[in-house]
Structures are given as C-alpha cells and as structure tokens.
Amino acid sequence: MSVVVTAIFVPRDGQKDDMVAAMRRGIEAVHGEDGCELYAIHDAEDGTITMIEKWTSREALAAHAEGDPVTLLNADIAELIAEPVRVTLMDAIPVGDAVRGAL
C-alpha cells in the first residue's frame, strides 16, 4: 500500500526563494528513486514550503530517508531553514470516486 508524506519547511526570514532554488538538485535526484510516485513542493500561505510525497511502500520511503538525495537536499538547505522539518506520514482512506478519493 502506498504512503503519503507531508514535510513542512520553514525558511529563514527573506530566504524562501533561495530555499526553493536550493531544493532543486535534491528534488530532481529524488524523482529518480525507486518507489517515488510524487515529490513536489508547494508555496503555503503561511510562508512555509510544503512537500507532498507519495511512495509505493513504507520500505521505499525508508530507503529514501537514508539515501543520498535526502542528504544532498538537507545539505543544500542547511543555512536557509529556520527550524526542523515537520514530517507527517499518512495512509490513504479512499472514499468516493476512485480517482478523486485518494492521492
């Protein structure tokens, strides 16, 4: 069963655009990882950057968490992030239309 993840990144004041640019290499590397179905950042109204991820399994997610692309991403944003990333793992509860009822 796939797993969905959100990761909230809080950039230092005035550093959001720099953080987005710094995340590019890591994101592109993650897109090549086994089990990655979705790995996309979004600009949240509160000034944070929200990563929405979807992985084919918890095993694929665990491998991702230990992989070089995450190390690269973390190194690239180390000086731009104001607080630790808040990560939430979720399992889908499909309801309604099969396409629209689950991520």
Protein backbone atom coordinates (compact mmCIF):
# COMPACT_ATOMS: atom_id res chain seq x y z
CA MET A 1 0.00 0.00 0.00
CA SER A 2 1.30 3.46 -0.86
CA VAL A 3 2.15 6.04 1.78
CA VAL A 4 1.68 9.81 1.56
CA VAL A 5 4.00 12.21 3.35
CA THR A 6 3.91 15.91 4.03
CA ALA A 7 7.05 17.75 5.05
CA ILE A 8 6.82 21.37 6.18
CA PHE A 9 9.93 23.52 5.64
CA VAL A 10 10.20 26.88 7.42
CA PRO A 11 12.68 29.16 5.65
CA ARG A 12 14.61 31.84 7.47
CA ASP A 13 13.14 35.34 7.05
CA GLY A 14 13.54 36.51 3.48
CA GLN A 15 15.05 33.19 2.35
CA LYS A 16 12.06 31.38 0.82
CA ASP A 17 13.05 31.94 -2.81
CA ASP A 18 16.63 30.92 -2.03
CA MET A 19 15.37 27.78 -0.28
CA VAL A 20 13.21 26.82 -3.25
CA ALA A 21 16.19 27.23 -5.57
CA ALA A 22 18.42 25.23 -3.19
CA MET A 23 15.92 22.36 -3.09
CA ARG A 24 16.02 21.81 -6.85
CA ARG A 25 19.03 19.41 -7.01
CA GLY A 26 17.70 17.21 -4.22
CA ILE A 27 14.18 17.08 -5.64
CA GLU A 28 15.44 16.15 -9.09
CA ALA A 29 17.57 13.38 -7.55
CA VAL A 30 14.64 12.04 -5.51
CA HIS A 31 12.50 11.78 -8.64
CA GLY A 32 14.85 9.02 -9.82
CA GLU A 33 14.49 6.92 -6.66
CA ASP A 34 12.70 3.58 -6.72
CA GLY A 35 9.20 3.89 -5.32
CA CYS A 36 8.81 7.66 -5.76
CA GLU A 37 5.36 8.40 -7.17
CA LEU A 38 5.17 12.08 -6.18
CA TYR A 39 7.66 14.52 -4.66
CA ALA A 40 6.52 18.11 -5.15
CA ILE A 41 6.88 21.37 -3.24
CA HIS A 42 4.14 23.94 -2.75
CA ASP A 43 4.12 27.53 -1.52
CA ALA A 44 1.91 27.71 1.56
CA GLU A 45 0.04 30.86 2.59
CA ASP A 46 1.86 30.97 5.93
CA GLY A 47 5.28 31.42 4.29
CA THR A 48 6.32 27.80 4.61
CA ILE A 49 7.12 25.33 1.84
CA THR A 50 5.11 22.13 1.90
CA MET A 51 6.48 18.99 0.28
CA ILE A 52 3.83 16.45 -0.70
CA GLU A 53 5.21 12.97 -1.33
CA LYS A 54 3.78 9.63 -2.36
CA TRP A 55 5.75 6.39 -2.13
CA THR A 56 4.85 2.90 -3.29
CA SER A 57 5.56 1.47 0.17
CA ARG A 58 6.95 2.24 3.60
CA GLU A 59 10.06 0.28 2.59
CA ALA A 60 10.63 2.61 -0.39
CA LEU A 61 10.11 5.61 1.91
CA ALA A 62 12.60 4.21 4.43
CA ALA A 63 15.19 3.73 1.69
CA HIS A 64 14.56 7.30 0.52
CA ALA A 65 15.06 8.66 4.04
CA GLU A 66 18.52 7.05 4.19
CA GLY A 67 19.51 7.88 0.61
CA ASP A 68 21.96 10.31 -0.94
CA PRO A 69 19.27 12.61 -2.42
CA VAL A 70 17.92 13.45 1.06
CA THR A 71 21.47 14.05 2.30
CA LEU A 72 22.01 16.40 -0.67
CA LEU A 73 18.72 18.23 -0.08
CA ASN A 74 19.42 18.69 3.62
CA ALA A 75 22.94 19.99 2.95
CA ASP A 76 21.70 22.43 0.31
CA ILE A 77 19.10 24.00 2.65
CA ALA A 78 21.04 23.81 5.93
CA GLU A 79 21.77 27.54 6.10
CA LEU A 80 18.31 28.55 4.85
CA ILE A 81 15.99 26.66 7.20
CA ALA A 82 14.69 28.24 10.41
CA GLU A 83 13.53 25.12 12.28
CA PRO A 84 13.47 21.33 11.93
CA VAL A 85 11.30 19.94 9.13
CA ARG A 86 7.90 18.70 10.34
CA VAL A 87 7.13 15.36 8.69
CA THR A 88 3.78 13.52 8.74
CA LEU A 89 3.22 10.02 7.29
CA MET A 90 -0.30 9.11 6.16
CA ASP A 91 -2.11 6.09 4.76
CA ALA A 92 -4.95 6.77 2.32
CA ILE A 93 -8.56 6.24 3.33
CA PRO A 94 -10.17 6.10 -0.15
CA VAL A 95 -13.70 7.48 -0.18
CA GLY A 96 -15.94 8.30 -3.14
CA ASP A 97 -14.56 8.40 -6.66
CA ALA A 98 -11.55 6.11 -7.12
CA VAL A 99 -9.53 8.82 -8.88
CA ARG A 100 -10.52 11.79 -6.73
CA GLY A 101 -10.89 9.94 -3.44
CA ALA A 102 -7.21 9.19 -2.82
CA LEU A 103 -3.89 10.82 -3.51
